[in-house]
Amino acid sequence: MTGDDEGRLRALVAELEAQRDELVLDRFTHDDAWELGSWLWRTAVERDLSVAISIRQR
């Protein structure tokens, strides 16, 4: 990985962390978590992508 790649990766991680911190839901149930995780998994399988999915409440 070049220094340029590392800089872009760090910027992307910072952007994703900022988005995560902004995302606030009025409610998020276990059913919502299951539905979201299932959708993410199905989408990854359909696109032949490898993913790790972790959905947690803060």
PDB file of N, CA and C in Angstrom:
ATOM      1  N   MET A   1       0.853  -1.167   0.000  1.00  0.00           N
ATOM      2  CA  MET A   1       0.000   0.000   0.000  1.00  0.00           C
ATOM      3  C   MET A   1       0.899   1.231   0.000  1.00  0.00           C
ATOM      4  N   THR A   2       0.610   2.157  -0.869  1.00  0.00           N
ATOM      5  CA  THR A   2       1.403   3.376  -0.928  1.00  0.00           C
ATOM      6  C   THR A   2       0.906   4.377   0.111  1.00  0.00           C
ATOM      7  N   GLY A   3       1.686   5.397   0.338  1.00  0.00           N
ATOM      8  CA  GLY A   3       1.276   6.444   1.270  1.00  0.00           C
ATOM      9  C   GLY A   3      -0.004   7.118   0.824  1.00  0.00           C
ATOM     10  N   ASP A   4      -0.166   7.245  -0.499  1.00  0.00           N
ATOM     11  CA  ASP A   4      -1.382   7.839  -1.065  1.00  0.00           C
ATOM     12  C   ASP A   4      -2.602   6.978  -0.755  1.00  0.00           C
ATOM     13  N   ASP A   5      -2.450   5.660  -0.939  1.00  0.00           N
ATOM     14  CA  ASP A   5      -3.541   4.728  -0.642  1.00  0.00           C
ATOM     15  C   ASP A   5      -3.907   4.783   0.838  1.00  0.00           C
ATOM     16  N   GLU A   6      -2.892   4.818   1.675  1.00  0.00           N
ATOM     17  CA  GLU A   6      -3.138   4.857   3.122  1.00  0.00           C
ATOM     18  C   GLU A   6      -3.866   6.139   3.509  1.00  0.00           C
ATOM     19  N   GLY A   7      -3.500   7.247   2.894  1.00  0.00           N
ATOM     20  CA  GLY A   7      -4.181   8.510   3.172  1.00  0.00           C
ATOM     21  C   GLY A   7      -5.645   8.472   2.763  1.00  0.00           C
ATOM     22  N   ARG A   8      -5.920   7.893   1.592  1.00  0.00           N
ATOM     23  CA  ARG A   8      -7.321   7.764   1.138  1.00  0.00           C
ATOM     24  C   ARG A   8      -8.101   6.834   2.052  1.00  0.00           C
ATOM     25  N   LEU A   9      -7.465   5.745   2.489  1.00  0.00           N
ATOM     26  CA  LEU A   9      -8.132   4.802   3.387  1.00  0.00           C
ATOM     27  C   LEU A   9      -8.444   5.465   4.724  1.00  0.00           C
ATOM     28  N   ARG A  10      -7.498   6.208   5.258  1.00  0.00           N
ATOM     29  CA  ARG A  10      -7.739   6.919   6.527  1.00  0.00           C
ATOM     30  C   ARG A  10      -8.868   7.933   6.384  1.00  0.00           C
ATOM     31  N   ALA A  11      -8.919   8.634   5.260  1.00  0.00           N
ATOM     32  CA  ALA A  11      -9.989   9.609   5.019  1.00  0.00           C
ATOM     33  C   ALA A  11     -11.341   8.911   4.927  1.00  0.00           C
ATOM     34  N   LEU A  12     -11.383   7.762   4.259  1.00  0.00           N
ATOM     35  CA  LEU A  12     -12.626   7.009   4.143  1.00  0.00           C
ATOM     36  C   LEU A  12     -13.101   6.517   5.501  1.00  0.00           C
ATOM     37  N   VAL A  13     -12.191   5.997   6.304  1.00  0.00           N
ATOM     38  CA  VAL A  13     -12.549   5.530   7.650  1.00  0.00           C
ATOM     39  C   VAL A  13     -13.076   6.697   8.482  1.00  0.00           C
ATOM     40  N   ALA A  14     -12.430   7.840   8.405  1.00  0.00           N
ATOM     41  CA  ALA A  14     -12.887   9.014   9.149  1.00  0.00           C
ATOM     42  C   ALA A  14     -14.285   9.436   8.706  1.00  0.00           C
ATOM     43  N   GLU A  15     -14.546   9.386   7.396  1.00  0.00           N
ATOM     44  CA  GLU A  15     -15.869   9.740   6.870  1.00  0.00           C
ATOM     45  C   GLU A  15     -16.927   8.757   7.366  1.00  0.00           C
ATOM     46  N   LEU A  16     -16.620   7.473   7.333  1.00  0.00           N
ATOM     47  CA  LEU A  16     -17.573   6.463   7.797  1.00  0.00           C
ATOM     48  C   LEU A  16     -17.840   6.599   9.294  1.00  0.00           C
ATOM     49  N   GLU A  17     -16.819   6.890  10.068  1.00  0.00           N
ATOM     50  CA  GLU A  17     -17.016   7.084  11.509  1.00  0.00           C
ATOM     51  C   GLU A  17     -17.884   8.303  11.783  1.00  0.00           C
ATOM     52  N   ALA A  18     -17.703   9.374  11.015  1.00  0.00           N
ATOM     53  CA  ALA A  18     -18.536  10.571  11.172  1.00  0.00           C
ATOM     54  C   ALA A  18     -19.983  10.266  10.822  1.00  0.00           C
ATOM     55  N   GLN A  19     -20.211   9.498   9.749  1.00  0.00           N
ATOM     56  CA  GLN A  19     -21.574   9.115   9.378  1.00  0.00           C
ATOM     57  C   GLN A  19     -22.208   8.266  10.474  1.00  0.00           C
ATOM     58  N   ARG A  20     -21.441   7.346  11.032  1.00  0.00           N
ATOM     59  CA  ARG A  20     -21.955   6.497  12.108  1.00  0.00           C
ATOM     60  C   ARG A  20     -22.375   7.349  13.303  1.00  0.00           C
ATOM     61  N   ASP A  21     -21.552   8.339  13.642  1.00  0.00           N
ATOM     62  CA  ASP A  21     -21.854   9.184  14.792  1.00  0.00           C
ATOM     63  C   ASP A  21     -23.076  10.061  14.560  1.00  0.00           C
ATOM     64  N   GLU A  22     -23.366  10.402  13.300  1.00  0.00           N
ATOM     65  CA  GLU A  22     -24.534  11.219  12.963  1.00  0.00           C
ATOM     66  C   GLU A  22     -25.825  10.414  12.932  1.00  0.00           C
ATOM     67  N   LEU A  23     -25.730   9.130  12.678  1.00  0.00           N
ATOM     68  CA  LEU A  23     -26.919   8.300  12.506  1.00  0.00           C
ATOM     69  C   LEU A  23     -27.564   8.035  13.863  1.00  0.00           C
ATOM     70  N   VAL A  24     -28.717   8.660  14.072  1.00  0.00           N
ATOM     71  CA  VAL A  24     -29.459   8.475  15.314  1.00  0.00           C
ATOM     72  C   VAL A  24     -30.893   8.123  14.943  1.00  0.00           C
ATOM     73  N   LEU A  25     -31.366   6.997  15.446  1.00  0.00           N
ATOM     74  CA  LEU A  25     -32.723   6.536  15.145  1.00  0.00           C
ATOM     75  C   LEU A  25     -33.608   6.714  16.372  1.00  0.00           C
ATOM     76  N   ASP A  26     -34.871   7.041  16.136  1.00  0.00           N
ATOM     77  CA  ASP A  26     -35.826   7.158  17.238  1.00  0.00           C
ATOM     78  C   ASP A  26     -36.047   5.811  17.920  1.00  0.00           C
ATOM     79  N   ARG A  27     -35.997   4.764  17.115  1.00  0.00           N
ATOM     80  CA  ARG A  27     -36.145   3.407  17.660  1.00  0.00           C
ATOM     81  C   ARG A  27     -35.388   2.453  16.753  1.00  0.00           C
ATOM     82  N   PHE A  28     -34.908   1.372  17.337  1.00  0.00           N
ATOM     83  CA  PHE A  28     -34.215   0.346  16.571  1.00  0.00           C
ATOM     84  C   PHE A  28     -34.352  -0.948  17.352  1.00  0.00           C
ATOM     85  N   THR A  29     -35.264  -1.801  16.896  1.00  0.00           N
ATOM     86  CA  THR A  29     -35.578  -3.019  17.626  1.00  0.00           C
ATOM     87  C   THR A  29     -34.716  -4.190  17.155  1.00  0.00           C
ATOM     88  N   HIS A  30     -34.827  -5.304  17.865  1.00  0.00           N
ATOM     89  CA  HIS A  30     -34.145  -6.524  17.441  1.00  0.00           C
ATOM     90  C   HIS A  30     -34.640  -6.950  16.057  1.00  0.00           C
ATOM     91  N   ASP A  31     -35.933  -6.783  15.816  1.00  0.00           N
ATOM     92  CA  ASP A  31     -36.485  -7.117  14.491  1.00  0.00           C
ATOM     93  C   ASP A  31     -35.885  -6.239  13.407  1.00  0.00           C
ATOM     94  N   ASP A  32     -35.713  -4.946  13.702  1.00  0.00           N
ATOM     95  CA  ASP A  32     -35.072  -4.038  12.741  1.00  0.00           C
ATOM     96  C   ASP A  32     -33.646  -4.491  12.452  1.00  0.00           C
ATOM     97  N   ALA A  33     -32.921  -4.864  13.502  1.00  0.00           N
ATOM     98  CA  ALA A  33     -31.537  -5.325  13.343  1.00  0.00           C
ATOM     99  C   ALA A  33     -31.488  -6.590  12.491  1.00  0.00           C
ATOM    100  N   TRP A  34     -32.390  -7.511  12.753  1.00  0.00           N
ATOM    101  CA  TRP A  34     -32.439  -8.759  11.986  1.00  0.00           C
ATOM    102  C   TRP A  34     -32.726  -8.468  10.507  1.00  0.00           C
ATOM    103  N   GLU A  35     -33.712  -7.596  10.262  1.00  0.00           N
ATOM    104  CA  GLU A  35     -34.079  -7.260   8.885  1.00  0.00           C
ATOM    105  C   GLU A  35     -32.911  -6.589   8.158  1.00  0.00           C
ATOM    106  N   LEU A  36     -32.238  -5.657   8.813  1.00  0.00           N
ATOM    107  CA  LEU A  36     -31.103  -4.977   8.213  1.00  0.00           C
ATOM    108  C   LEU A  36     -29.961  -5.951   7.928  1.00  0.00           C
ATOM    109  N   GLY A  37     -29.612  -6.769   8.901  1.00  0.00           N
ATOM    110  CA  GLY A  37     -28.531  -7.731   8.717  1.00  0.00           C
ATOM    111  C   GLY A  37     -28.840  -8.736   7.626  1.00  0.00           C
ATOM    112  N   SER A  38     -30.085  -9.192   7.589  1.00  0.00           N
ATOM    113  CA  SER A  38     -30.486 -10.151   6.552  1.00  0.00           C
ATOM    114  C   SER A  38     -30.401  -9.532   5.170  1.00  0.00           C
ATOM    115  N   TRP A  39     -30.831  -8.277   5.056  1.00  0.00           N
ATOM    116  CA  TRP A  39     -30.753  -7.590   3.762  1.00  0.00           C
ATOM    117  C   TRP A  39     -29.297  -7.429   3.334  1.00  0.00           C
ATOM    118  N   LEU A  40     -28.442  -7.005   4.271  1.00  0.00           N
ATOM    119  CA  LEU A  40     -27.018  -6.855   3.942  1.00  0.00           C
ATOM    120  C   LEU A  40     -26.428  -8.177   3.471  1.00  0.00           C
ATOM    121  N   TRP A  41     -26.744  -9.267   4.163  1.00  0.00           N
ATOM    122  CA  TRP A  41     -26.220 -10.586   3.797  1.00  0.00           C
ATOM    123  C   TRP A  41     -26.721 -11.011   2.416  1.00  0.00           C
ATOM    124  N   ARG A  42     -28.040 -10.876   2.178  1.00  0.00           N
ATOM    125  CA  ARG A  42     -28.596 -11.261   0.870  1.00  0.00           C
ATOM    126  C   ARG A  42     -27.956 -10.460  -0.256  1.00  0.00           C
ATOM    127  N   THR A  43     -27.797  -9.161  -0.041  1.00  0.00           N
ATOM    128  CA  THR A  43     -27.200  -8.308  -1.060  1.00  0.00           C
ATOM    129  C   THR A  43     -25.761  -8.726  -1.348  1.00  0.00           C
ATOM    130  N   ALA A  44     -25.010  -9.025  -0.305  1.00  0.00           N
ATOM    131  CA  ALA A  44     -23.621  -9.473  -0.483  1.00  0.00           C
ATOM    132  C   ALA A  44     -23.567 -10.792  -1.246  1.00  0.00           C
ATOM    133  N   VAL A  45     -24.444 -11.724  -0.914  1.00  0.00           N
ATOM    134  CA  VAL A  45     -24.465 -13.022  -1.598  1.00  0.00           C
ATOM    135  C   VAL A  45     -24.815 -12.830  -3.070  1.00  0.00           C
ATOM    136  N   GLU A  46     -25.829 -12.004  -3.341  1.00  0.00           N
ATOM    137  CA  GLU A  46     -26.236 -11.755  -4.728  1.00  0.00           C
ATOM    138  C   GLU A  46     -25.102 -11.141  -5.546  1.00  0.00           C
ATOM    139  N   ARG A  47     -24.268 -10.342  -4.901  1.00  0.00           N
ATOM    140  CA  ARG A  47     -23.169  -9.659  -5.606  1.00  0.00           C
ATOM    141  C   ARG A  47     -21.845 -10.399  -5.465  1.00  0.00           C
ATOM    142  N   ASP A  48     -21.889 -11.587  -4.867  1.00  0.00           N
ATOM    143  CA  ASP A  48     -20.699 -12.410  -4.675  1.00  0.00           C
ATOM    144  C   ASP A  48     -19.605 -11.652  -3.921  1.00  0.00           C
ATOM    145  N   LEU A  49     -20.019 -10.991  -2.828  1.00  0.00           N
ATOM    146  CA  LEU A  49     -19.096 -10.209  -2.007  1.00  0.00           C
ATOM    147  C   LEU A  49     -18.868 -10.894  -0.665  1.00  0.00           C
ATOM    148  N   SER A  50     -17.693 -10.738  -0.144  1.00  0.00           N
ATOM    149  CA  SER A  50     -17.388 -11.225   1.197  1.00  0.00           C
ATOM    150  C   SER A  50     -17.643 -10.092   2.178  1.00  0.00           C
ATOM    151  N   VAL A  51     -18.378 -10.357   3.229  1.00  0.00           N
ATOM    152  CA  VAL A  51     -18.671  -9.316   4.213  1.00  0.00           C
ATOM    153  C   VAL A  51     -18.639  -9.898   5.622  1.00  0.00           C
ATOM    154  N   ALA A  52     -18.431  -9.026   6.558  1.00  0.00           N
ATOM    155  CA  ALA A  52     -18.630  -9.323   7.974  1.00  0.00           C
ATOM    156  C   ALA A  52     -19.666  -8.315   8.453  1.00  0.00           C
ATOM    157  N   ILE A  53     -20.695  -8.779   9.108  1.00  0.00           N
ATOM    158  CA  ILE A  53     -21.796  -7.904   9.516  1.00  0.00           C
ATOM    159  C   ILE A  53     -21.890  -7.928  11.038  1.00  0.00           C
ATOM    160  N   SER A  54     -21.892  -6.749  11.629  1.00  0.00           N
ATOM    161  CA  SER A  54     -22.064  -6.612  13.072  1.00  0.00           C
ATOM    162  C   SER A  54     -23.008  -5.431  13.291  1.00  0.00           C
ATOM    163  N   ILE A  55     -24.127  -5.691  13.928  1.00  0.00           N
ATOM    164  CA  ILE A  55     -25.106  -4.646  14.200  1.00  0.00           C
ATOM    165  C   ILE A  55     -25.288  -4.594  15.708  1.00  0.00           C
ATOM    166  N   ARG A  56     -24.988  -3.446  16.295  1.00  0.00           N
ATOM    167  CA  ARG A  56     -25.051  -3.294  17.753  1.00  0.00           C
ATOM    168  C   ARG A  56     -25.702  -1.978  18.119  1.00  0.00           C
ATOM    169  N   GLN A  57     -26.269  -1.962  19.291  1.00  0.00           N
ATOM    170  CA  GLN A  57     -26.754  -0.691  19.850  1.00  0.00           C
ATOM    171  C   GLN A  57     -25.614  -0.076  20.641  1.00  0.00           C
ATOM    172  N   ARG A  58     -25.568   1.234  20.622  1.00  0.00           N
ATOM    173  CA  ARG A  58     -24.553   1.947  21.414  1.00  0.00           C
ATOM    174  C   ARG A  58     -25.126   2.335  22.730  1.00  0.00           C
TER     175      ARG A  58
END
